[in-house]
Amino acid sequence: METHWLLTIVALFLLIGVFSSKISSRFQFPALLMFLLVGLIVPSEDSNLIHNYDFVNFISAACMSFILFSGGLDSNLPQMKRCAATGIILASIGVILTTVFLGCSVKLILPNFPLAWCLLLASVVSSTDAAAVFGILRGKGVSLKGNLAPLLELESGSNDPIAAFMTLFMISVIQQADSSAYWFFIPQLIWKIGSGIAWGYVIGRFSEWLFNKLKLEYEGLYYVINIAVVLLSYGGAECLKGNGFMASYIAGLTMSSLRFNYKRGVSRFSDGLAWLCQVMLFMVLGLLMDFEALLGIWWKGLLIAASLMFVARPLAVLLSTVRSKLSFAEKIFVSWVGLRGAAPIVLATFPLYYFKDNEVFAKYAGELFTIIFFVVITSVVFQGKTLMFVAKKLHLDSPFKKQERNPLELEITDSFKSVMKEFNVTADSEIIGKSLAEIKFPTGVMVVLIRRNDSFILARGESVIARNDGLLLLGDGTLVEELAMNYHLSV
């Protein structure tokens, strides 16, 4: 295909991706699934590039590192701390238990598959996808009560690296053909995850220093630094024999709680880059799949998907949350919020890459990839369509308050360190019915805008505060938080 046609097609697909969010909210499944299906129906037999597993593995690893970094950077760390213990247990012990339970089920469904390959398949699909879950919830204007949202966000962001470790560990077990390799599971897990976390934190702190100390003449170069940071977090961790996916996520998570120059711009750039990576990832993975092969294993994929949704995931969640404060209804919902997304299909390419030179293993790897592909599609369609129904039946949903984006933005730079944050006026606030001139704000804090009924009005001295108003405050971060606490303002 000529270059100009290829570039035109790429541009059209990107535009379709932008508009597909509207379509996905109507039909209640992630927009990126459409790119997966498009890749599936596009003939790719003659594409040596797509079936070059070295290239696919490189693209998959790079894209996943950008996606995980963006997820960490967009996280609300203070909220996640409230459910950190449960989230970490779900992301670690929960993933291991899911692998064990599902591996046993796969052995019953596929008796001709060696046990190690059954556990490998289970390892690949043991992680959940946050983007798929919240894309559906927000699409229909529904949010979750309590700490469910940050809990699921923490689990989804941190369980992909655990699943990646499990996948690579099982691949090494198969390569060695020695069951004694299982004894090295715990030491490898501790080193891989521990070094990944440590390296990610170091890169996050180094990035803060870099953004604040470098004085670049061209602002666009700060976004180039951002790309280098992501690649350094993943690549450096892998050079240390650590987990690069964990390092990417922790680097973003560390930076989310730090103040550095051009943070808002970097966050938006990372978000857009992550979206581009997901589109590219789903298209490439769709092109890898053979539609006829998919039809040939549908019953196996359906049984394995059912085992994952109704047996392995629920058992793993219930056992992992025995000592948590979650109610039984919340545990059931967390069990059901087990949507599989990009990560399992990416991890399914690893066996294709590592066993490409072994004819027998390559056959197993090909069938494994096809089954996992089917499991992901089944999970997204079936669980995605019923997610809101389950939340409502368990009385765990709450109205999603969609707010217009405020028309002012504040970029942190060396010469301006103030913060701008919006707070809601609660029913028990003492400033209701008072004008701004009557309210004694501390020196260094001011109200810039007032949100009322999804519109904004300019703050003036005679402006009277009403219940449920949103106040856009500008000033020193500590003073802003103290003012919000004193006057009963909520985030």
Protein backbone atom coordinates (compact mmCIF):
# COMPACT_ATOMS: atom_id res chain seq x y z
CA MET A 1 0.00 0.00 0.00
CA GLU A 2 1.29 3.47 -0.90
CA THR A 3 2.32 5.79 1.92
CA HIS A 4 -0.32 8.46 1.33
CA TRP A 5 -3.13 5.89 1.41
CA LEU A 6 -1.74 4.33 4.58
CA LEU A 7 -1.50 7.71 6.34
CA THR A 8 -5.03 8.62 5.26
CA ILE A 9 -6.42 5.34 6.62
CA VAL A 10 -4.56 5.83 9.92
CA ALA A 11 -6.02 9.35 10.22
CA LEU A 12 -9.53 8.06 9.58
CA PHE A 13 -9.15 5.33 12.20
CA LEU A 14 -7.97 7.87 14.77
CA LEU A 15 -10.97 10.10 14.05
CA ILE A 16 -13.26 7.09 14.36
CA GLY A 17 -11.64 6.39 17.71
CA VAL A 18 -12.42 9.89 18.95
CA PHE A 19 -16.08 9.67 17.94
CA SER A 20 -16.52 6.04 18.98
CA SER A 21 -16.77 7.01 22.66
CA LYS A 22 -20.29 8.23 21.92
CA ILE A 23 -21.18 4.95 20.25
CA SER A 24 -19.66 2.87 23.05
CA SER A 25 -21.72 4.64 25.73
CA ARG A 26 -24.90 3.88 23.78
CA PHE A 27 -24.15 0.18 23.38
CA GLN A 28 -22.34 -0.20 26.74
CA PHE A 29 -18.98 -1.64 25.69
CA PRO A 30 -15.53 -0.06 25.45
CA ALA A 31 -14.88 1.88 22.27
CA LEU A 32 -11.52 0.18 21.83
CA LEU A 33 -13.28 -3.16 21.33
CA MET A 34 -14.36 -1.85 17.94
CA PHE A 35 -10.72 -1.49 16.90
CA LEU A 36 -10.14 -5.05 18.02
CA LEU A 37 -13.03 -6.21 15.84
CA VAL A 38 -11.87 -4.06 12.90
CA GLY A 39 -8.43 -5.62 13.14
CA LEU A 40 -10.09 -9.02 13.28
CA ILE A 41 -12.00 -8.63 10.01
CA VAL A 42 -9.15 -6.97 8.07
CA PRO A 43 -7.16 -9.57 6.05
CA SER A 44 -3.62 -9.77 7.38
CA GLU A 45 -2.18 -13.00 5.96
CA ASP A 46 0.23 -11.12 3.72
CA SER A 47 1.49 -8.75 6.39
CA ASN A 48 4.97 -9.89 7.43
CA LEU A 49 5.22 -6.92 9.79
CA ILE A 50 2.14 -7.83 11.83
CA HIS A 51 3.20 -11.48 12.13
CA ASN A 52 6.73 -10.52 13.16
CA TYR A 53 6.46 -11.44 16.83
CA ASP A 54 9.60 -9.49 17.76
CA PHE A 55 7.90 -6.34 16.45
CA VAL A 56 4.58 -7.18 18.12
CA ASN A 57 6.26 -7.86 21.48
CA PHE A 58 8.16 -4.55 21.28
CA ILE A 59 5.02 -2.56 20.38
CA SER A 60 2.94 -4.31 23.05
CA ALA A 61 5.45 -3.69 25.85
CA ALA A 62 5.96 -0.04 24.89
CA CYS A 63 2.23 0.66 24.60
CA MET A 64 1.41 -1.02 27.91
CA SER A 65 4.10 1.01 29.70
CA PHE A 66 2.58 4.28 28.44
CA ILE A 67 -0.95 3.13 29.35
CA LEU A 68 0.08 2.13 32.88
CA PHE A 69 2.09 5.33 33.41
CA SER A 70 -0.90 7.44 32.38
CA GLY A 71 -3.17 5.44 34.69
CA GLY A 72 -0.86 6.08 37.62
CA LEU A 73 -0.45 9.79 36.80
CA ASP A 74 -4.24 10.30 36.68
CA SER A 75 -4.85 8.50 39.99
CA ASN A 76 -6.15 10.19 43.11
CA LEU A 77 -3.56 8.99 45.61
CA PRO A 78 -5.29 10.34 48.78
CA GLN A 79 -8.48 8.41 47.93
CA MET A 80 -6.54 5.27 47.05
CA LYS A 81 -4.72 5.31 50.39
CA ARG A 82 -8.05 4.71 52.17
CA CYS A 83 -8.38 1.32 50.49
CA ALA A 84 -4.71 0.57 49.86
CA ALA A 85 -4.51 -2.63 51.92
CA THR A 86 -7.51 -4.29 50.26
CA GLY A 87 -6.49 -3.09 46.80
CA ILE A 88 -2.93 -4.41 47.12
CA ILE A 89 -4.16 -7.78 48.40
CA LEU A 90 -6.59 -8.07 45.49
CA ALA A 91 -3.87 -7.10 43.01
CA SER A 92 -1.39 -9.65 44.35
CA ILE A 93 -2.93 -12.55 46.27
CA GLY A 94 -6.14 -12.14 44.28
CA VAL A 95 -4.27 -12.53 40.98
CA ILE A 96 -2.39 -15.61 42.24
CA LEU A 97 -5.59 -17.25 43.52
CA THR A 98 -7.40 -16.47 40.26
CA THR A 99 -4.54 -18.14 38.37
CA VAL A 100 -4.66 -21.27 40.52
CA PHE A 101 -8.46 -21.67 40.43
CA LEU A 102 -8.75 -20.94 36.72
CA GLY A 103 -5.74 -23.13 35.90
CA CYS A 104 -7.48 -26.10 37.53
CA SER A 105 -10.66 -25.35 35.57
CA VAL A 106 -8.74 -25.08 32.29
CA LYS A 107 -7.13 -28.48 32.95
CA LEU A 108 -10.61 -30.01 33.23
CA ILE A 109 -11.83 -28.24 30.07
CA LEU A 110 -8.63 -28.91 28.08
CA PRO A 111 -7.34 -32.27 29.39
CA ASN A 112 -4.79 -32.50 26.55
CA PHE A 113 -3.13 -29.24 27.68
CA PRO A 114 -0.16 -29.75 30.07
CA LEU A 115 -0.78 -28.29 33.54
CA ALA A 116 1.94 -25.66 33.09
CA TRP A 117 0.20 -24.40 29.95
CA CYS A 118 -3.14 -24.31 31.78
CA LEU A 119 -1.56 -22.16 34.49
CA LEU A 120 0.05 -20.00 31.80
CA LEU A 121 -3.33 -19.37 30.20
CA ALA A 122 -4.81 -18.55 33.61
CA SER A 123 -1.92 -16.19 34.40
CA VAL A 124 -2.51 -14.24 31.21
CA VAL A 125 -6.20 -13.53 31.96
CA SER A 126 -5.81 -12.99 35.70
CA SER A 127 -5.75 -9.15 35.57
CA THR A 128 -8.65 -6.71 35.16
CA ASP A 129 -9.01 -3.61 32.99
CA ALA A 130 -9.93 -0.31 34.68
CA ALA A 131 -10.51 1.59 31.43
CA ALA A 132 -13.16 -0.90 30.32
CA VAL A 133 -14.99 -0.77 33.66
CA PHE A 134 -15.17 2.99 34.13
CA GLY A 135 -15.73 3.67 30.45
CA ILE A 136 -19.03 1.81 30.75
CA LEU A 137 -20.02 3.27 34.13
CA ARG A 138 -19.36 6.87 33.13
CA GLY A 139 -20.92 6.39 29.73
CA LYS A 140 -24.33 5.92 31.31
CA GLY A 141 -23.90 8.50 34.07
CA VAL A 142 -23.45 6.09 36.97
CA SER A 143 -20.82 6.16 39.70
CA LEU A 144 -20.11 3.89 42.66
CA LYS A 145 -20.67 4.45 46.36
CA GLY A 146 -17.99 4.62 49.02
CA ASN A 147 -14.45 3.60 48.19
CA LEU A 148 -15.38 1.13 45.45
CA ALA A 149 -14.15 3.35 42.61
CA PRO A 150 -10.63 4.00 44.03
CA LEU A 151 -10.41 0.35 45.14
CA LEU A 152 -11.12 -0.94 41.65
CA GLU A 153 -8.79 1.69 40.18
CA LEU A 154 -5.93 0.64 42.46
CA GLU A 155 -6.50 -3.06 41.81
CA SER A 156 -6.74 -2.61 38.05
CA GLY A 157 -3.66 -0.42 37.84
CA SER A 158 -1.43 -2.64 39.97
CA ASN A 159 -2.56 -6.13 38.97
CA ASP A 160 -1.33 -5.96 35.35
CA PRO A 161 2.33 -6.08 36.48
CA ILE A 162 1.56 -9.07 38.75
CA ALA A 163 -0.13 -10.87 35.84
CA ALA A 164 2.87 -10.06 33.64
CA PHE A 165 5.21 -11.58 36.22
CA MET A 166 3.04 -14.70 36.49
CA THR A 167 3.01 -15.04 32.70
CA LEU A 168 6.78 -14.74 32.33
CA PHE A 169 7.35 -17.07 35.30
CA MET A 170 5.17 -19.79 33.75
CA ILE A 171 6.94 -19.32 30.41
CA SER A 172 10.28 -19.92 32.18
CA VAL A 173 8.85 -23.03 33.87
CA ILE A 174 7.77 -24.43 30.49
CA GLN A 175 11.15 -23.61 28.93
CA GLN A 176 13.05 -25.34 31.73
CA ALA A 177 10.66 -28.33 31.79
CA ASP A 178 11.49 -28.69 35.48
CA SER A 179 8.84 -28.59 38.21
CA SER A 180 11.49 -27.52 40.74
CA ALA A 181 11.30 -24.04 39.17
CA TYR A 182 8.10 -23.46 41.18
CA TRP A 183 10.23 -23.21 44.32
CA PHE A 184 11.74 -19.99 42.97
CA PHE A 185 8.34 -18.33 42.58
CA ILE A 186 8.37 -16.34 45.85
CA PRO A 187 11.98 -15.07 45.58
CA GLN A 188 11.42 -14.03 41.95
CA LEU A 189 8.12 -12.36 42.83
CA ILE A 190 9.70 -10.36 45.64
CA TRP A 191 12.63 -9.22 43.48
CA LYS A 192 10.64 -8.49 40.31
CA ILE A 193 7.87 -6.52 42.00
CA GLY A 194 10.04 -4.99 44.73
CA SER A 195 12.69 -3.72 42.33
CA GLY A 196 9.98 -2.51 39.95
CA ILE A 197 8.35 -0.49 42.72
CA ALA A 198 11.69 0.92 43.90
CA TRP A 199 12.84 1.87 40.39
CA GLY A 200 9.46 3.41 39.54
CA TYR A 201 9.58 5.55 42.70
CA VAL A 202 13.15 6.68 41.94
CA ILE A 203 12.19 7.63 38.38
CA GLY A 204 9.11 9.48 39.66
CA ARG A 205 11.18 11.58 42.08
CA PHE A 206 13.91 12.10 39.49
CA SER A 207 11.27 13.31 37.02
CA GLU A 208 9.99 15.87 39.54
CA TRP A 209 13.53 17.22 39.91
CA LEU A 210 14.05 17.19 36.15
CA PHE A 211 10.85 19.10 35.34
CA ASN A 212 11.48 21.69 38.07
CA LYS A 213 15.20 22.27 37.48
CA LEU A 214 15.47 22.20 33.70
CA LYS A 215 14.90 25.59 32.08
CA LEU A 216 13.96 24.77 28.50
CA GLU A 217 13.29 27.46 25.93
CA TYR A 218 10.70 25.34 24.11
CA GLU A 219 7.76 24.11 26.20
CA GLY A 220 7.15 21.22 23.83
CA LEU A 221 10.41 19.63 24.97
CA TYR A 222 8.89 18.95 28.40
CA TYR A 223 6.59 16.45 26.70
CA VAL A 224 9.60 14.81 25.07
CA ILE A 225 11.01 14.42 28.60
CA ASN A 226 7.75 12.74 29.57
CA ILE A 227 8.21 10.12 26.83
CA ALA A 228 11.79 9.53 27.97
CA VAL A 229 10.61 9.11 31.58
CA VAL A 230 8.13 6.38 30.64
CA LEU A 231 10.65 4.49 28.53
CA LEU A 232 13.31 4.86 31.22
CA SER A 233 10.97 3.55 33.92
CA TYR A 234 10.12 0.44 31.90
CA GLY A 235 13.50 -0.18 30.27
CA GLY A 236 15.56 0.52 33.38
CA ALA A 237 13.50 -1.86 35.51
CA GLU A 238 13.84 -4.62 32.92
CA CYS A 239 17.61 -4.05 32.78
CA LEU A 240 17.64 -4.63 36.55
CA LYS A 241 15.60 -7.83 35.99
CA GLY A 242 12.65 -6.13 37.63
CA ASN A 243 9.08 -5.68 36.43
CA GLY A 244 8.94 -2.82 33.91
CA PHE A 245 5.14 -2.61 33.95
CA MET A 246 5.12 -2.13 37.71
CA ALA A 247 7.86 0.51 37.42
CA SER A 248 5.86 2.44 34.80
CA TYR A 249 2.74 2.46 36.96
CA ILE A 250 4.60 3.43 40.15
CA ALA A 251 6.47 6.22 38.34
CA GLY A 252 3.16 7.73 37.23
CA LEU A 253 1.59 7.16 40.65
CA THR A 254 4.54 8.85 42.39
CA MET A 255 4.35 11.87 40.08
CA SER A 256 0.58 12.18 40.64
CA SER A 257 1.18 13.39 44.21
CA LEU A 258 4.09 15.71 43.38
CA ARG A 259 4.15 19.33 42.21
CA PHE A 260 6.22 19.97 39.12
CA ASN A 261 6.28 22.39 36.21
CA TYR A 262 3.75 21.79 33.42
CA LYS A 263 2.07 18.99 35.35
CA ARG A 264 -1.36 19.63 33.84
CA GLY A 265 0.04 19.66 30.32
CA VAL A 266 2.07 16.51 30.92
CA SER A 267 -1.00 14.75 32.33
CA ARG A 268 -3.08 15.62 29.28
CA PHE A 269 -0.29 14.66 26.90
CA SER A 270 0.10 11.30 28.68
CA ASP A 271 -3.64 10.71 28.52
CA GLY A 272 -3.73 11.37 24.78
CA LEU A 273 -0.64 9.25 24.20
CA ALA A 274 -2.16 6.39 26.21
CA TRP A 275 -5.31 6.58 24.09
CA LEU A 276 -3.22 6.45 20.91
CA CYS A 277 -1.31 3.45 22.29
CA GLN A 278 -4.54 1.63 23.07
CA VAL A 279 -5.91 2.22 19.58
CA MET A 280 -2.68 1.00 17.99
CA LEU A 281 -2.48 -1.94 20.38
CA PHE A 282 -6.01 -3.15 19.74
CA MET A 283 -5.63 -2.82 15.98
CA VAL A 284 -2.36 -4.80 15.91
CA LEU A 285 -3.74 -7.50 18.20
CA GLY A 286 -6.89 -7.75 16.12
CA LEU A 287 -4.77 -8.22 13.00
CA LEU A 288 -2.93 -11.09 14.71
CA MET A 289 -6.13 -13.08 15.12
CA ASP A 290 -7.45 -15.57 12.58
CA PHE A 291 -11.26 -15.36 12.42
CA GLU A 292 -11.62 -19.02 11.38
CA ALA A 293 -9.45 -20.13 14.30
CA LEU A 294 -11.67 -18.10 16.62
CA LEU A 295 -14.76 -19.95 15.40
CA GLY A 296 -13.00 -23.26 15.92
CA ILE A 297 -12.47 -22.81 19.68
CA TRP A 298 -15.63 -20.91 20.62
CA TRP A 299 -16.94 -23.59 22.97
CA LYS A 300 -13.59 -23.90 24.78
CA GLY A 301 -13.37 -20.14 25.12
CA LEU A 302 -16.93 -19.91 26.38
CA LEU A 303 -16.38 -22.56 29.08
CA ILE A 304 -13.12 -20.95 30.22
CA ALA A 305 -14.72 -17.48 30.27
CA ALA A 306 -17.61 -18.84 32.35
CA SER A 307 -15.16 -20.50 34.75
CA LEU A 308 -13.31 -17.21 35.13
CA MET A 309 -16.42 -15.08 35.67
CA PHE A 310 -18.42 -17.43 37.91
CA VAL A 311 -15.80 -19.50 39.74
CA ALA A 312 -12.18 -18.33 39.71
CA ARG A 313 -12.64 -14.56 40.09
CA PRO A 314 -15.42 -14.74 42.76
CA LEU A 315 -13.50 -17.31 44.85
CA ALA A 316 -10.30 -15.28 44.62
CA VAL A 317 -12.05 -12.05 45.65
CA LEU A 318 -13.96 -13.65 48.54
CA LEU A 319 -10.80 -15.25 49.95
CA SER A 320 -8.69 -12.12 49.42
CA THR A 321 -11.18 -9.86 51.20
CA VAL A 322 -11.96 -12.06 54.22
CA ARG A 323 -10.50 -9.51 56.66
CA SER A 324 -11.55 -6.40 54.74
CA LYS A 325 -14.36 -4.02 55.68
CA LEU A 326 -16.20 -4.60 52.40
CA SER A 327 -19.81 -5.67 52.72
CA PHE A 328 -20.93 -8.91 51.09
CA ALA A 329 -22.67 -6.92 48.33
CA GLU A 330 -19.46 -5.00 47.64
CA LYS A 331 -17.48 -8.24 47.46
CA ILE A 332 -19.98 -9.66 44.97
CA PHE A 333 -19.73 -6.53 42.83
CA VAL A 334 -15.91 -6.51 42.93
CA SER A 335 -16.07 -10.14 41.84
CA TRP A 336 -18.22 -9.21 38.88
CA VAL A 337 -16.08 -6.22 37.92
CA GLY A 338 -13.50 -8.49 36.36
CA LEU A 339 -13.53 -7.18 32.81
CA ARG A 340 -10.57 -8.25 30.73
CA GLY A 341 -9.05 -5.72 28.34
CA ALA A 342 -5.80 -4.98 26.54
CA ALA A 343 -3.43 -6.49 29.11
CA PRO A 344 -4.46 -10.17 28.70
CA ILE A 345 -4.21 -10.00 24.91
CA VAL A 346 -0.83 -8.27 25.18
CA LEU A 347 0.41 -10.93 27.59
CA ALA A 348 -0.93 -13.61 25.25
CA THR A 349 1.61 -12.45 22.65
CA PHE A 350 4.49 -13.32 25.00
CA PRO A 351 4.20 -17.12 24.42
CA LEU A 352 4.00 -16.44 20.68
CA TYR A 353 7.29 -14.54 20.96
CA TYR A 354 9.17 -16.89 23.31
CA PHE A 355 8.10 -20.14 21.62
CA LYS A 356 8.20 -19.05 17.99
CA ASP A 357 11.15 -21.36 17.24
CA ASN A 358 9.62 -24.46 18.87
CA GLU A 359 7.06 -26.09 16.58
CA VAL A 360 5.17 -27.97 19.30
CA PHE A 361 5.12 -25.09 21.77
CA ALA A 362 4.25 -22.62 19.02
CA LYS A 363 1.09 -24.64 18.31
CA TYR A 364 0.10 -24.48 21.99
CA ALA A 365 0.87 -20.75 22.05
CA GLY A 366 -1.30 -20.11 18.99
CA GLU A 367 -4.28 -21.93 20.49
CA LEU A 368 -3.73 -20.17 23.81
CA PHE A 369 -3.77 -16.76 22.08
CA THR A 370 -7.01 -17.59 20.27
CA ILE A 371 -8.74 -18.78 23.46
CA ILE A 372 -7.63 -15.71 25.41
CA PHE A 373 -8.85 -13.46 22.60
CA PHE A 374 -12.29 -15.09 22.84
CA VAL A 375 -12.31 -14.85 26.66
CA VAL A 376 -11.58 -11.09 26.52
CA ILE A 377 -14.34 -10.41 24.00
CA THR A 378 -16.82 -12.53 26.01
CA SER A 379 -15.91 -10.76 29.24
CA VAL A 380 -16.21 -7.27 27.76
CA VAL A 381 -19.53 -7.93 26.02
CA PHE A 382 -21.27 -10.02 28.69
CA GLN A 383 -19.97 -8.41 31.89
CA GLY A 384 -19.93 -4.97 30.28
CA LYS A 385 -23.60 -5.20 29.34
CA THR A 386 -24.61 -6.28 32.86
CA LEU A 387 -22.26 -4.16 34.97
CA MET A 388 -24.68 -1.31 35.67
CA PHE A 389 -27.54 -3.74 36.22
CA VAL A 390 -25.54 -5.57 38.91
CA ALA A 391 -24.48 -2.29 40.57
CA LYS A 392 -28.08 -1.13 40.77
CA LYS A 393 -29.38 -4.48 42.03
CA LEU A 394 -26.77 -4.45 44.81
CA HIS A 395 -27.62 -0.79 45.59
CA LEU A 396 -24.01 0.26 45.05
CA ASP A 397 -24.61 2.86 42.34
CA SER A 398 -25.01 6.58 42.86
CA PRO A 399 -25.86 9.37 40.40
CA PHE A 400 -22.91 10.47 38.32
CA LYS A 401 -22.58 14.24 38.53
CA LYS A 402 -21.45 15.40 35.17
CA GLN A 403 -19.99 18.90 35.40
CA GLU A 404 -18.92 21.29 32.72
CA ARG A 405 -15.17 21.81 32.62
CA ASN A 406 -14.25 25.11 34.22
CA PRO A 407 -13.03 27.69 31.69
CA LEU A 408 -9.85 28.52 33.62
CA GLU A 409 -6.73 26.42 33.92
CA LEU A 410 -3.68 26.92 36.10
CA GLU A 411 -0.27 25.64 35.06
CA ILE A 412 2.36 25.24 37.77
CA THR A 413 5.63 26.99 36.89
CA ASP A 414 8.66 28.21 38.82
CA SER A 415 7.25 31.73 39.03
CA PHE A 416 3.75 30.74 40.18
CA LYS A 417 3.21 28.10 42.86
CA SER A 418 -0.44 28.67 43.82
CA VAL A 419 -3.13 26.04 43.31
CA MET A 420 -6.63 26.33 41.85
CA LYS A 421 -9.21 23.86 43.10
CA GLU A 422 -13.00 23.61 43.05
CA PHE A 423 -15.04 22.83 46.19
CA ASN A 424 -18.78 22.26 46.67
CA VAL A 425 -20.79 24.17 49.28
CA THR A 426 -22.39 21.55 51.56
CA ALA A 427 -25.77 21.89 53.27
CA ASP A 428 -24.22 22.69 56.67
CA SER A 429 -21.83 25.36 55.43
CA GLU A 430 -22.07 28.65 57.32
CA ILE A 431 -21.38 30.75 54.23
CA ILE A 432 -24.73 29.91 52.55
CA GLY A 433 -26.72 33.12 52.04
CA LYS A 434 -23.70 35.36 52.56
CA SER A 435 -22.04 37.54 49.96
CA LEU A 436 -18.35 37.18 49.21
CA ALA A 437 -17.77 40.62 50.74
CA GLU A 438 -19.20 39.34 54.07
CA ILE A 439 -17.04 36.22 54.16
CA LYS A 440 -13.60 36.73 55.65
CA PHE A 441 -11.21 34.79 53.44
CA PRO A 442 -7.57 34.51 54.58
CA THR A 443 -5.05 36.69 52.78
CA GLY A 444 -3.72 34.83 49.76
CA VAL A 445 -6.97 33.01 48.88
CA MET A 446 -9.67 34.24 46.54
CA VAL A 447 -12.80 32.94 44.81
CA VAL A 448 -12.30 33.13 41.05
CA LEU A 449 -15.53 31.61 39.71
CA ILE A 450 -18.81 30.27 41.10
CA ARG A 451 -20.38 27.21 39.49
CA ARG A 452 -24.19 27.27 39.61
CA ASN A 453 -26.48 24.90 37.71
CA ASP A 454 -23.71 23.70 35.37
CA SER A 455 -22.73 27.24 34.41
CA PHE A 456 -20.17 29.69 35.76
CA ILE A 457 -20.56 33.22 37.04
CA LEU A 458 -17.74 35.65 37.75
CA ALA A 459 -17.12 36.06 41.49
CA ARG A 460 -17.86 39.59 42.74
CA GLY A 461 -18.13 41.12 46.19
CA GLU A 462 -21.95 41.16 46.00
CA SER A 463 -22.19 37.52 44.81
CA VAL A 464 -24.29 35.53 47.32
CA ILE A 465 -23.34 31.90 47.97
CA ALA A 466 -26.09 29.29 47.57
CA ARG A 467 -26.30 25.66 48.60
CA ASN A 468 -24.60 23.22 46.17
CA ASP A 469 -22.60 26.03 44.56
CA GLY A 470 -19.11 25.18 43.38
CA LEU A 471 -16.37 27.61 44.39
CA LEU A 472 -13.20 27.76 42.30
CA LEU A 473 -10.56 28.84 44.83
CA LEU A 474 -7.11 30.20 43.97
CA GLY A 475 -4.29 30.54 46.48
CA ASP A 476 -1.71 28.80 48.62
CA GLY A 477 -2.45 25.05 48.75
CA THR A 478 -2.42 24.79 52.56
CA LEU A 479 -4.64 27.85 53.02
CA VAL A 480 -7.10 26.61 50.41
CA GLU A 481 -7.47 23.24 52.19
CA GLU A 482 -7.86 24.94 55.61
CA LEU A 483 -10.52 27.29 54.24
CA ALA A 484 -12.44 24.36 52.76
CA MET A 485 -12.35 22.55 56.11
CA ASN A 486 -13.38 25.60 58.16
CA TYR A 487 -16.34 26.46 55.92
CA HIS A 488 -17.49 22.84 55.30
CA LEU A 489 -16.64 22.69 51.63
CA SER A 490 -16.28 19.31 49.95
CA VAL A 491 -14.33 18.21 46.87
